[in-house]
C-alpha atoms as a PDB file:
ATOM      1  CA  UNK A   1      -4.523 -38.754 -90.882  1.00  0.00           C
ATOM      2  CA  UNK A   2      -8.440 -38.000 -91.527  1.00  0.00           C
ATOM      3  CA  UNK A   3      -9.494 -35.401 -92.211  1.00  0.00           C
ATOM      4  CA  UNK A   4     -11.603 -34.941 -88.742  1.00  0.00           C
ATOM      5  CA  UNK A   5      -8.151 -36.480 -87.061  1.00  0.00           C
ATOM      6  CA  UNK A   6      -6.745 -33.576 -88.708  1.00  0.00           C
ATOM      7  CA  UNK A   7      -8.725 -30.651 -87.522  1.00  0.00           C
ATOM      8  CA  UNK A   8      -8.998 -32.132 -83.949  1.00  0.00           C
ATOM      9  CA  UNK A   9      -5.984 -31.936 -83.300  1.00  0.00           C
ATOM     10  CA  UNK A  10      -5.319 -28.269 -84.256  1.00  0.00           C
ATOM     11  CA  UNK A  11      -8.195 -26.750 -82.090  1.00  0.00           C
ATOM     12  CA  UNK A  12     -11.795 -28.543 -83.407  1.00  0.00           C
ATOM     13  CA  UNK A  13     -11.857 -26.164 -86.253  1.00  0.00           C
ATOM     14  CA  UNK A  14     -10.437 -25.742 -89.577  1.00  0.00           C
ATOM     15  CA  UNK A  15     -10.855 -23.621 -92.013  1.00  0.00           C
ATOM     16  CA  UNK A  16     -11.747 -24.812 -95.988  1.00  0.00           C
ATOM     17  CA  UNK A  17      -8.699 -23.290 -96.922  1.00  0.00           C
ATOM     18  CA  UNK A  18      -6.536 -24.413 -94.685  1.00  0.00           C
ATOM     19  CA  UNK A  19      -7.375 -28.170 -95.096  1.00  0.00           C
ATOM     20  CA  UNK A  20      -6.357 -27.796 -98.605  1.00  0.00           C
ATOM     21  CA  UNK A  21      -3.180 -27.472 -98.505  1.00  0.00           C
ATOM     22  CA  UNK A  22      -2.699 -30.212 -96.505  1.00  0.00           C
ATOM     23  CA  UNK A  23      -4.003 -32.297 -99.076  1.00  0.00           C
ATOM     24  CA  UNK A  24      -7.242 -32.852 -98.649  1.00  0.00           C
ATOM     25  CA  UNK A  25      -9.609 -32.030-101.578  1.00  0.00           C
ATOM     26  CA  UNK A  26     -13.480 -31.095-102.785  1.00  0.00           C
ATOM     27  CA  UNK A  27     -13.522 -35.245-102.375  1.00  0.00           C
ATOM     28  CA  UNK A  28     -12.342 -36.135 -99.050  1.00  0.00           C
ATOM     29  CA  UNK A  29     -14.281 -32.878 -97.035  1.00  0.00           C
ATOM     30  CA  UNK A  30     -17.852 -34.485 -99.259  1.00  0.00           C
ATOM     31  CA  UNK A  31     -17.969 -37.813 -97.617  1.00  0.00           C
ATOM     32  CA  UNK A  32     -16.335 -36.927 -94.565  1.00  0.00           C
ATOM     33  CA  UNK A  33     -19.794 -35.046 -94.417  1.00  0.00           C
ATOM     34  CA  UNK A  34     -21.553 -38.250 -95.336  1.00  0.00           C
ATOM     35  CA  UNK A  35     -20.278 -40.492 -92.764  1.00  0.00           C
ATOM     36  CA  UNK A  36     -21.208 -37.533 -90.017  1.00  0.00           C
ATOM     37  CA  UNK A  37     -17.218 -37.393 -89.564  1.00  0.00           C
ATOM     38  CA  UNK A  38     -16.749 -33.749 -89.726  1.00  0.00           C
ATOM     39  CA  UNK A  39     -20.049 -31.315 -90.389  1.00  0.00           C
ATOM     40  CA  UNK A  40     -20.184 -28.082 -91.182  1.00  0.00           C
ATOM     41  CA  UNK A  41     -19.782 -25.037 -88.968  1.00  0.00           C
ATOM     42  CA  UNK A  42     -20.697 -22.380 -91.322  1.00  0.00           C
ATOM     43  CA  UNK A  43     -19.474 -21.613 -94.518  1.00  0.00           C
ATOM     44  CA  UNK A  44     -16.040 -22.351 -95.170  1.00  0.00           C
ATOM     45  CA  UNK A  45     -15.423 -23.683 -91.563  1.00  0.00           C
ATOM     46  CA  UNK A  46     -15.229 -27.229 -90.198  1.00  0.00           C
ATOM     47  CA  UNK A  47     -15.672 -28.683 -87.207  1.00  0.00           C
ATOM     48  CA  UNK A  48     -16.141 -32.285 -85.993  1.00  0.00           C
ATOM     49  CA  UNK A  49     -19.030 -33.781 -83.123  1.00  0.00           C
ATOM     50  CA  UNK A  50     -16.866 -33.564 -80.383  1.00  0.00           C
ATOM     51  CA  UNK A  51     -16.750 -29.905 -80.482  1.00  0.00           C
ATOM     52  CA  UNK A  52     -16.933 -27.810 -77.264  1.00  0.00           C
ATOM     53  CA  UNK A  53     -20.727 -26.300 -77.988  1.00  0.00           C
ATOM     54  CA  UNK A  54     -19.305 -22.828 -77.354  1.00  0.00           C
ATOM     55  CA  UNK A  55     -16.739 -23.234 -79.082  1.00  0.00           C
ATOM     56  CA  UNK A  56     -19.117 -24.064 -82.013  1.00  0.00           C
ATOM     57  CA  UNK A  57     -21.938 -21.376 -81.712  1.00  0.00           C
ATOM     58  CA  UNK A  58     -18.667 -18.720 -81.112  1.00  0.00           C
ATOM     59  CA  UNK A  59     -16.983 -20.142 -84.638  1.00  0.00           C
ATOM     60  CA  UNK A  60     -20.855 -20.126 -86.258  1.00  0.00           C
ATOM     61  CA  UNK A  61     -21.262 -16.079 -85.618  1.00  0.00           C
ATOM     62  CA  UNK A  62     -17.305 -15.233 -86.938  1.00  0.00           C
ATOM     63  CA  UNK A  63     -15.322 -14.766 -84.027  1.00  0.00           C
ATOM     64  CA  UNK A  64     -14.119 -16.991 -80.721  1.00  0.00           C
ATOM     65  CA  UNK A  65     -15.674 -17.205 -77.560  1.00  0.00           C
ATOM     66  CA  UNK A  66     -14.555 -14.537 -74.781  1.00  0.00           C
ATOM     67  CA  UNK A  67     -15.087 -13.004 -71.861  1.00  0.00           C
ATOM     68  CA  UNK A  68     -18.294 -14.359 -69.268  1.00  0.00           C
ATOM     69  CA  UNK A  69     -18.519 -17.253 -72.627  1.00  0.00           C
ATOM     70  CA  UNK A  70     -14.901 -18.216 -72.254  1.00  0.00           C
ATOM     71  CA  UNK A  71     -15.147 -18.300 -69.138  1.00  0.00           C
ATOM     72  CA  UNK A  72     -17.855 -21.043 -68.165  1.00  0.00           C
ATOM     73  CA  UNK A  73     -15.779 -22.843 -71.019  1.00  0.00           C
ATOM     74  CA  UNK A  74     -13.057 -23.119 -69.008  1.00  0.00           C
ATOM     75  CA  UNK A  75     -14.896 -24.399 -66.103  1.00  0.00           C
ATOM     76  CA  UNK A  76     -14.890 -21.633 -64.067  1.00  0.00           C
ATOM     77  CA  UNK A  77     -18.347 -20.765 -61.169  1.00  0.00           C
ATOM     78  CA  UNK A  78     -19.079 -17.755 -62.878  1.00  0.00           C
ATOM     79  CA  UNK A  79     -22.552 -16.174 -63.214  1.00  0.00           C
ATOM     80  CA  UNK A  80     -24.374 -17.395 -65.884  1.00  0.00           C
ATOM     81  CA  UNK A  81     -25.131 -14.812 -68.434  1.00  0.00           C
ATOM     82  CA  UNK A  82     -27.625 -16.279 -71.195  1.00  0.00           C
ATOM     83  CA  UNK A  83     -25.994 -13.737 -73.985  1.00  0.00           C
ATOM     84  CA  UNK A  84     -22.836 -15.955 -76.002  1.00  0.00           C
ATOM     85  CA  UNK A  85     -20.538 -13.573 -75.454  1.00  0.00           C
ATOM     86  CA  UNK A  86     -17.933 -13.684 -78.894  1.00  0.00           C
ATOM     87  CA  UNK A  87     -14.883 -11.677 -80.545  1.00  0.00           C
ATOM     88  CA  UNK A  88     -14.564 -10.601 -83.521  1.00  0.00           C
ATOM     89  CA  UNK A  89     -12.217  -8.460 -85.626  1.00  0.00           C
ATOM     90  CA  UNK A  90     -13.618  -4.755 -86.507  1.00  0.00           C
ATOM     91  CA  UNK A  91     -13.403  -5.738 -89.930  1.00  0.00           C
ATOM     92  CA  UNK A  92     -15.941  -8.711 -89.260  1.00  0.00           C
ATOM     93  CA  UNK A  93     -19.096  -8.889 -91.794  1.00  0.00           C
ATOM     94  CA  UNK A  94     -21.402 -11.502 -92.647  1.00  0.00           C
ATOM     95  CA  UNK A  95     -21.992 -11.899 -88.688  1.00  0.00           C
ATOM     96  CA  UNK A  96     -23.844 -15.223 -88.017  1.00  0.00           C
ATOM     97  CA  UNK A  97     -27.198 -16.787 -86.021  1.00  0.00           C
ATOM     98  CA  UNK A  98     -24.890 -18.933 -82.876  1.00  0.00           C
ATOM     99  CA  UNK A  99     -28.002 -21.757 -83.634  1.00  0.00           C
ATOM    100  CA  UNK A 100     -28.215 -21.296 -87.812  1.00  0.00           C
ATOM    101  CA  UNK A 101     -26.219 -20.871 -90.114  1.00  0.00           C
ATOM    102  CA  UNK A 102     -28.035 -19.995 -92.568  1.00  0.00           C
ATOM    103  CA  UNK A 103     -29.888 -17.132 -90.109  1.00  0.00           C
ATOM    104  CA  UNK A 104     -28.484 -13.383 -89.984  1.00  0.00           C
ATOM    105  CA  UNK A 105     -27.180 -12.396 -85.723  1.00  0.00           C
ATOM    106  CA  UNK A 106     -29.639 -10.219 -84.812  1.00  0.00           C
ATOM    107  CA  UNK A 107     -30.410 -11.757 -81.103  1.00  0.00           C
ATOM    108  CA  UNK A 108     -28.462 -14.228 -79.046  1.00  0.00           C
ATOM    109  CA  UNK A 109     -24.554 -12.762 -78.402  1.00  0.00           C
ATOM    110  CA  UNK A 110     -23.030 -10.428 -77.243  1.00  0.00           C
ATOM    111  CA  UNK A 111     -20.166  -9.451 -80.426  1.00  0.00           C
ATOM    112  CA  UNK A 112     -17.100  -7.446 -79.259  1.00  0.00           C
ATOM    113  CA  UNK A 113     -15.134  -5.861 -81.390  1.00  0.00           C
ATOM    114  CA  UNK A 114     -11.984  -6.256 -80.248  1.00  0.00           C
ATOM    115  CA  UNK A 115     -10.298  -8.398 -82.850  1.00  0.00           C
ATOM    116  CA  UNK A 116     -10.438 -12.601 -83.279  1.00  0.00           C
ATOM    117  CA  UNK A 117      -8.068 -15.037 -82.854  1.00  0.00           C
ATOM    118  CA  UNK A 118      -6.161 -18.397 -84.111  1.00  0.00           C
ATOM    119  CA  UNK A 119      -8.343 -20.077 -81.424  1.00  0.00           C
ATOM    120  CA  UNK A 120     -11.633 -20.752 -80.933  1.00  0.00           C
ATOM    121  CA  UNK A 121     -11.668 -19.474 -77.367  1.00  0.00           C
ATOM    122  CA  UNK A 122      -9.935 -16.384 -75.879  1.00  0.00           C
ATOM    123  CA  UNK A 123      -7.192 -16.292 -73.396  1.00  0.00           C
ATOM    124  CA  UNK A 124      -8.167 -16.080 -69.946  1.00  0.00           C
ATOM    125  CA  UNK A 125      -6.504 -12.893 -69.564  1.00  0.00           C
ATOM    126  CA  UNK A 126      -8.480 -11.173 -72.552  1.00  0.00           C
ATOM    127  CA  UNK A 127     -11.705 -12.612 -71.290  1.00  0.00           C
ATOM    128  CA  UNK A 128     -11.276 -11.590 -67.901  1.00  0.00           C
ATOM    129  CA  UNK A 129     -10.137  -8.117 -69.475  1.00  0.00           C
ATOM    130  CA  UNK A 130     -13.412  -8.251 -71.375  1.00  0.00           C
ATOM    131  CA  UNK A 131     -15.383  -8.462 -67.933  1.00  0.00           C
ATOM    132  CA  UNK A 132     -13.248  -6.070 -66.571  1.00  0.00           C
ATOM    133  CA  UNK A 133     -14.999  -4.128 -69.686  1.00  0.00           C
ATOM    134  CA  UNK A 134     -18.148  -4.713 -69.673  1.00  0.00           C
ATOM    135  CA  UNK A 135     -20.213  -5.476 -66.180  1.00  0.00           C
ATOM    136  CA  UNK A 136     -20.805  -4.647 -62.858  1.00  0.00           C
ATOM    137  CA  UNK A 137     -18.836  -4.593 -60.131  1.00  0.00           C
ATOM    138  CA  UNK A 138     -20.564  -7.796 -58.851  1.00  0.00           C
ATOM    139  CA  UNK A 139     -20.150  -9.751 -61.373  1.00  0.00           C
ATOM    140  CA  UNK A 140     -16.526  -8.970 -62.767  1.00  0.00           C
ATOM    141  CA  UNK A 141     -15.041  -9.229 -59.292  1.00  0.00           C
ATOM    142  CA  UNK A 142     -16.650 -12.373 -59.363  1.00  0.00           C
ATOM    143  CA  UNK A 143     -14.885 -12.761 -62.261  1.00  0.00           C
ATOM    144  CA  UNK A 144     -11.316 -12.314 -61.012  1.00  0.00           C
ATOM    145  CA  UNK A 145     -11.904 -14.381 -57.785  1.00  0.00           C
ATOM    146  CA  UNK A 146     -12.562 -17.786 -59.362  1.00  0.00           C
ATOM    147  CA  UNK A 147      -9.517 -17.331 -61.980  1.00  0.00           C
ATOM    148  CA  UNK A 148      -7.079 -16.662 -59.147  1.00  0.00           C
ATOM    149  CA  UNK A 149      -8.655 -19.533 -56.986  1.00  0.00           C
ATOM    150  CA  UNK A 150      -8.666 -22.469 -60.154  1.00  0.00           C
ATOM    151  CA  UNK A 151      -4.846 -21.510 -60.625  1.00  0.00           C
ATOM    152  CA  UNK A 152      -6.043 -20.023 -64.496  1.00  0.00           C
ATOM    153  CA  UNK A 153      -4.082 -17.321 -63.138  1.00  0.00           C
ATOM    154  CA  UNK A 154      -1.545 -15.348 -61.176  1.00  0.00           C
ATOM    155  CA  UNK A 155      -1.365 -12.466 -59.034  1.00  0.00           C
ATOM    156  CA  UNK A 156       0.706 -10.622 -60.840  1.00  0.00           C
ATOM    157  CA  UNK A 157      -0.444 -11.664 -64.719  1.00  0.00           C
ATOM    158  CA  UNK A 158      -4.160 -10.511 -63.506  1.00  0.00           C
ATOM    159  CA  UNK A 159      -2.037  -7.159 -62.482  1.00  0.00           C
ATOM    160  CA  UNK A 160      -0.937  -6.602 -65.641  1.00  0.00           C
ATOM    161  CA  UNK A 161      -5.075  -7.353 -66.667  1.00  0.00           C
ATOM    162  CA  UNK A 162      -6.338  -3.959 -64.341  1.00  0.00           C
ATOM    163  CA  UNK A 163      -3.374  -3.014 -65.503  1.00  0.00           C
ATOM    164  CA  UNK A 164      -4.695  -2.645 -69.276  1.00  0.00           C
ATOM    165  CA  UNK A 165      -8.926  -1.902 -67.682  1.00  0.00           C
ATOM    166  CA  UNK A 166     -10.217   1.664 -67.718  1.00  0.00           C
ATOM    167  CA  UNK A 167      -8.684   2.864 -64.996  1.00  0.00           C
ATOM    168  CA  UNK A 168     -13.160   2.993 -63.370  1.00  0.00           C
ATOM    169  CA  UNK A 169     -12.185  -0.220 -62.533  1.00  0.00           C
ATOM    170  CA  UNK A 170      -8.661  -0.152 -61.649  1.00  0.00           C
ATOM    171  CA  UNK A 171      -9.366  -0.531 -57.756  1.00  0.00           C
ATOM    172  CA  UNK A 172     -12.298  -3.103 -58.051  1.00  0.00           C
ATOM    173  CA  UNK A 173      -8.589  -5.170 -57.583  1.00  0.00           C
ATOM    174  CA  UNK A 174      -8.901  -4.666 -53.932  1.00  0.00           C
ATOM    175  CA  UNK A 175     -11.852  -6.957 -53.994  1.00  0.00           C
ATOM    176  CA  UNK A 176     -10.250  -9.197 -55.859  1.00  0.00           C
ATOM    177  CA  UNK A 177     -10.318 -12.668 -53.177  1.00  0.00           C
ATOM    178  CA  UNK A 178      -9.169 -15.640 -53.693  1.00  0.00           C
ATOM    179  CA  UNK A 179     -11.418 -17.339 -50.767  1.00  0.00           C
ATOM    180  CA  UNK A 180     -14.326 -17.116 -52.835  1.00  0.00           C
ATOM    181  CA  UNK A 181     -15.148 -20.752 -53.654  1.00  0.00           C
ATOM    182  CA  UNK A 182     -18.355 -19.341 -55.921  1.00  0.00           C
ATOM    183  CA  UNK A 183     -19.609 -16.098 -57.873  1.00  0.00           C
ATOM    184  CA  UNK A 184     -22.760 -16.619 -54.224  1.00  0.00           C
ATOM    185  CA  UNK A 185     -20.357 -15.644 -51.348  1.00  0.00           C
ATOM    186  CA  UNK A 186     -18.432 -13.504 -53.472  1.00  0.00           C
ATOM    187  CA  UNK A 187     -21.570 -11.753 -53.989  1.00  0.00           C
ATOM    188  CA  UNK A 188     -22.841 -12.033 -50.530  1.00  0.00           C
ATOM    189  CA  UNK A 189     -18.731  -9.912 -49.460  1.00  0.00           C
ATOM    190  CA  UNK A 190     -19.352  -6.976 -51.541  1.00  0.00           C
ATOM    191  CA  UNK A 191     -22.795  -6.377 -50.215  1.00  0.00           C
ATOM    192  CA  UNK A 192     -22.436  -6.831 -46.546  1.00  0.00           C
ATOM    193  CA  UNK A 193     -19.485  -4.648 -46.734  1.00  0.00           C
ATOM    194  CA  UNK A 194     -21.166  -1.727 -48.943  1.00  0.00           C
ATOM    195  CA  UNK A 195     -23.701  -2.296 -45.964  1.00  0.00           C
ATOM    196  CA  UNK A 196     -20.625  -1.926 -43.725  1.00  0.00           C
ATOM    197  CA  UNK A 197     -21.119  -5.077 -41.981  1.00  0.00           C
ATOM    198  CA  UNK A 198     -17.624  -6.924 -41.083  1.00  0.00           C
ATOM    199  CA  UNK A 199     -16.557 -10.602 -42.211  1.00  0.00           C
ATOM    200  CA  UNK A 200     -14.024 -13.325 -41.872  1.00  0.00           C
ATOM    201  CA  UNK A 201     -13.390 -16.337 -44.700  1.00  0.00           C
ATOM    202  CA  UNK A 202     -13.756 -19.665 -44.410  1.00  0.00           C
ATOM    203  CA  UNK A 203     -13.253 -20.171 -41.128  1.00  0.00           C
ATOM    204  CA  UNK A 204     -11.856 -23.543 -40.358  1.00  0.00           C
ATOM    205  CA  UNK A 205     -14.159 -24.385 -36.446  1.00  0.00           C
ATOM    206  CA  UNK A 206     -12.413 -28.008 -34.808  1.00  0.00           C
ATOM    207  CA  UNK A 207     -14.145 -30.861 -34.970  1.00  0.00           C
ATOM    208  CA  UNK A 208     -16.407 -29.306 -37.967  1.00  0.00           C
ATOM    209  CA  UNK A 209     -14.195 -27.690 -40.709  1.00  0.00           C
ATOM    210  CA  UNK A 210     -14.313 -24.735 -42.714  1.00  0.00           C
ATOM    211  CA  UNK A 211     -17.862 -22.212 -43.235  1.00  0.00           C
ATOM    212  CA  UNK A 212     -17.990 -19.502 -45.836  1.00  0.00           C
ATOM    213  CA  UNK A 213     -18.161 -17.058 -42.926  1.00  0.00           C
ATOM    214  CA  UNK A 214     -17.666 -15.683 -39.169  1.00  0.00           C
ATOM    215  CA  UNK A 215     -20.343 -12.737 -38.414  1.00  0.00           C
ATOM    216  CA  UNK A 216     -19.706 -12.158 -35.257  1.00  0.00           C
ATOM    217  CA  UNK A 217     -18.228 -14.854 -32.300  1.00  0.00           C
ATOM    218  CA  UNK A 218     -21.220 -16.506 -32.182  1.00  0.00           C
ATOM    219  CA  UNK A 219     -22.259 -16.431 -35.399  1.00  0.00           C
ATOM    220  CA  UNK A 220     -22.371 -17.380 -39.006  1.00  0.00           C
ATOM    221  CA  UNK A 221     -22.816 -17.746 -42.589  1.00  0.00           C
ATOM    222  CA  UNK A 222     -23.443 -20.308 -45.779  1.00  0.00           C
ATOM    223  CA  UNK A 223     -24.451 -20.135 -48.965  1.00  0.00           C
ATOM    224  CA  UNK A 224     -26.085 -22.791 -50.254  1.00  0.00           C
ATOM    225  CA  UNK A 225     -25.509 -23.652 -53.773  1.00  0.00           C
ATOM    226  CA  UNK A 226     -27.241 -26.385 -56.029  1.00  0.00           C
ATOM    227  CA  UNK A 227     -25.125 -29.599 -54.562  1.00  0.00           C
ATOM    228  CA  UNK A 228     -27.019 -28.331 -51.016  1.00  0.00           C
ATOM    229  CA  UNK A 229     -29.890 -29.619 -51.812  1.00  0.00           C
ATOM    230  CA  UNK A 230     -31.265 -33.275 -50.502  1.00  0.00           C
ATOM    231  CA  UNK A 231     -32.173 -33.482 -54.714  1.00  0.00           C
ATOM    232  CA  UNK A 232     -28.909 -32.680 -55.685  1.00  0.00           C
ATOM    233  CA  UNK A 233     -28.070 -34.703 -58.977  1.00  0.00           C
ATOM    234  CA  UNK A 234     -25.251 -33.327 -60.111  1.00  0.00           C
ATOM    235  CA  UNK A 235     -21.726 -35.470 -60.549  1.00  0.00           C
ATOM    236  CA  UNK A 236     -21.128 -35.163 -56.614  1.00  0.00           C
ATOM    237  CA  UNK A 237     -23.094 -35.790 -53.580  1.00  0.00           C
ATOM    238  CA  UNK A 238     -25.227 -33.976 -51.490  1.00  0.00           C
ATOM    239  CA  UNK A 239     -23.712 -32.132 -49.163  1.00  0.00           C
ATOM    240  CA  UNK A 240     -27.182 -32.592 -47.074  1.00  0.00           C
ATOM    241  CA  UNK A 241     -27.174 -34.395 -44.197  1.00  0.00           C
ATOM    242  CA  UNK A 242     -23.420 -33.269 -43.347  1.00  0.00           C
ATOM    243  CA  UNK A 243     -24.984 -30.175 -43.433  1.00  0.00           C
ATOM    244  CA  UNK A 244     -27.511 -31.493 -40.916  1.00  0.00           C
ATOM    245  CA  UNK A 245     -24.608 -32.942 -38.999  1.00  0.00           C
ATOM    246  CA  UNK A 246     -22.069 -29.696 -38.544  1.00  0.00           C
ATOM    247  CA  UNK A 247     -25.390 -27.246 -37.105  1.00  0.00           C
ATOM    248  CA  UNK A 248     -25.724 -29.053 -35.497  1.00  0.00           C
ATOM    249  CA  UNK A 249     -22.031 -29.457 -33.760  1.00  0.00           C
ATOM    250  CA  UNK A 250     -22.635 -25.740 -34.539  1.00  0.00           C
ATOM    251  CA  UNK A 251     -25.586 -25.374 -32.508  1.00  0.00           C
ATOM    252  CA  UNK A 252     -23.789 -27.379 -29.652  1.00  0.00           C
ATOM    253  CA  UNK A 253     -20.784 -25.011 -29.120  1.00  0.00           C
ATOM    254  CA  UNK A 254     -23.555 -22.468 -28.543  1.00  0.00           C
ATOM    255  CA  UNK A 255     -23.422 -20.687 -32.630  1.00  0.00           C
ATOM    256  CA  UNK A 256     -26.036 -20.422 -34.776  1.00  0.00           C
ATOM    257  CA  UNK A 257     -25.713 -20.832 -38.431  1.00  0.00           C
ATOM    258  CA  UNK A 258     -27.895 -18.731 -41.008  1.00  0.00           C
ATOM    259  CA  UNK A 259     -27.862 -20.463 -43.918  1.00  0.00           C
ATOM    260  CA  UNK A 260     -28.940 -18.761 -47.465  1.00  0.00           C
ATOM    261  CA  UNK A 261     -29.362 -20.004 -51.302  1.00  0.00           C
ATOM    262  CA  UNK A 262     -28.762 -18.033 -54.490  1.00  0.00           C
ATOM    263  CA  UNK A 263     -32.063 -17.987 -55.051  1.00  0.00           C
ATOM    264  CA  UNK A 264     -32.777 -16.628 -51.703  1.00  0.00           C
ATOM    265  CA  UNK A 265     -29.597 -13.878 -52.338  1.00  0.00           C
ATOM    266  CA  UNK A 266     -30.145 -12.510 -55.299  1.00  0.00           C
ATOM    267  CA  UNK A 267     -34.090 -12.206 -55.292  1.00  0.00           C
ATOM    268  CA  UNK A 268     -34.813 -10.694 -51.629  1.00  0.00           C
ATOM    269  CA  UNK A 269     -30.790  -9.311 -50.414  1.00  0.00           C
ATOM    270  CA  UNK A 270     -33.302  -6.711 -48.617  1.00  0.00           C
ATOM    271  CA  UNK A 271     -34.944  -9.715 -46.702  1.00  0.00           C
ATOM    272  CA  UNK A 272     -31.528 -12.156 -46.441  1.00  0.00           C
ATOM    273  CA  UNK A 273     -30.334  -8.103 -44.822  1.00  0.00           C
ATOM    274  CA  UNK A 274     -32.485  -7.558 -42.041  1.00  0.00           C
ATOM    275  CA  UNK A 275     -32.370 -11.179 -40.810  1.00  0.00           C
ATOM    276  CA  UNK A 276     -28.385 -11.119 -40.711  1.00  0.00           C
ATOM    277  CA  UNK A 277     -29.026  -8.040 -38.468  1.00  0.00           C
ATOM    278  CA  UNK A 278     -31.094  -8.831 -36.414  1.00  0.00           C
ATOM    279  CA  UNK A 279     -29.596 -12.482 -36.206  1.00  0.00           C
ATOM    280  CA  UNK A 280     -26.068  -9.959 -34.751  1.00  0.00           C
ATOM    281  CA  UNK A 281     -28.416  -8.026 -32.028  1.00  0.00           C
ATOM    282  CA  UNK A 282     -29.802 -10.847 -30.576  1.00  0.00           C
ATOM    283  CA  UNK A 283     -26.033 -12.199 -30.329  1.00  0.00           C
ATOM    284  CA  UNK A 284     -24.287  -9.948 -29.099  1.00  0.00           C
ATOM    285  CA  UNK A 285     -27.107  -9.594 -26.528  1.00  0.00           C
ATOM    286  CA  UNK A 286     -26.434 -13.589 -25.769  1.00  0.00           C
ATOM    287  CA  UNK A 287     -22.899 -13.145 -25.882  1.00  0.00           C
ATOM    288  CA  UNK A 288     -23.305 -10.208 -22.631  1.00  0.00           C
ATOM    289  CA  UNK A 289     -25.522 -12.322 -20.825  1.00  0.00           C
ATOM    290  CA  UNK A 290     -23.236 -14.934 -20.831  1.00  0.00           C
ATOM    291  CA  UNK A 291     -20.793 -13.256 -19.990  1.00  0.00           C
ATOM    292  CA  UNK A 292     -23.676 -12.823 -16.531  1.00  0.00           C
ATOM    293  CA  UNK A 293     -24.139 -16.696 -16.682  1.00  0.00           C
ATOM    294  CA  UNK A 294     -21.756 -18.448 -17.644  1.00  0.00           C
ATOM    295  CA  UNK A 295     -24.385 -21.157 -19.124  1.00  0.00           C
ATOM    296  CA  UNK A 296     -21.919 -24.283 -17.807  1.00  0.00           C
ATOM    297  CA  UNK A 297     -20.552 -22.345 -14.740  1.00  0.00           C
ATOM    298  CA  UNK A 298     -23.866 -22.518 -14.283  1.00  0.00           C
ATOM    299  CA  UNK A 299     -24.729 -26.168 -14.704  1.00  0.00           C
ATOM    300  CA  UNK A 300     -22.137 -27.144 -12.438  1.00  0.00           C
ATOM    301  CA  UNK A 301     -23.373 -25.147  -9.951  1.00  0.00           C
ATOM    302  CA  UNK A 302     -26.312 -26.916  -9.477  1.00  0.00           C
ATOM    303  CA  UNK A 303     -24.573 -30.353  -9.726  1.00  0.00           C
ATOM    304  CA  UNK A 304     -22.463 -28.952  -6.401  1.00  0.00           C
ATOM    305  CA  UNK A 305     -25.601 -27.527  -4.566  1.00  0.00           C
ATOM    306  CA  UNK A 306     -26.840 -31.104  -5.397  1.00  0.00           C
ATOM    307  CA  UNK A 307     -24.102 -33.244  -4.856  1.00  0.00           C
ATOM    308  CA  UNK A 308     -24.655 -31.236  -1.144  1.00  0.00           C
ATOM    309  CA  UNK A 309     -27.262 -31.578  -0.731  1.00  0.00           C
ATOM    310  CA  UNK A 310     -26.908 -35.587  -0.801  1.00  0.00           C
ATOM    311  CA  UNK A 311     -27.221 -37.755   2.514  1.00  0.00           C
ATOM    312  CA  UNK A 312     -23.330 -39.118   3.723  1.00  0.00           C
END
């Protein structure tokens, strides 16, 4: 096997002192470097061009991915953090910039001095434990909910993670829900709960499909990510047209759907909450009126009167 094949098979990263006992020499490493089959991540560490970018940056610092960065590398829909979260040994030194191995670490990374490991990424349990220890309630609950929904951790394993977490965060376990399809839905669910509003998640409507939240008998809320935009260019098709059709079907049924994007949700939550409260008030008034004046029955009576006035 070539040196790049060995490095790739060993988890994308190997030290020089691990390669030499395998029969490789410094000459082999220089040839592989010159041909671009491997590259030097930091002093004494080598990797291959197709290695995970977040892993390369973490190893360059001198540790391994953890926290939000590790969860993001697993493909979980978690909140983004501009900082790189890296776990290092308590005795670690000479930490480097995640973008340049020649520069000392100053900014751009959040270092967690909780021990290193043999892989470039912490386990799901260790990553969630770091999030519980260092993040806010909303972010921590969103991460745990995403891990449960994507089935990268079991409920029993999550219980063990919370048992190791600080006592102040252990009550957050009751807030975790595998029904959250995005961190936007988690934030909305928690914030409406804080406002004293009840909501039902992922309710199936016959002929329409599942909607994110039902706040009243005729009031629904959808939290829209980028894939709901008509200009969406991601790996999947935009759902904009189907969203219009679903909203039309809900209106025909006498229901109302409120849609909020991530930017609006995060930057203007008081405005979103005011809109929801007004819509709830209108829905209550409309429901009371419909009890007194049913729409369908009134239309039927009108048709009967018209038929009665026609000559035989």
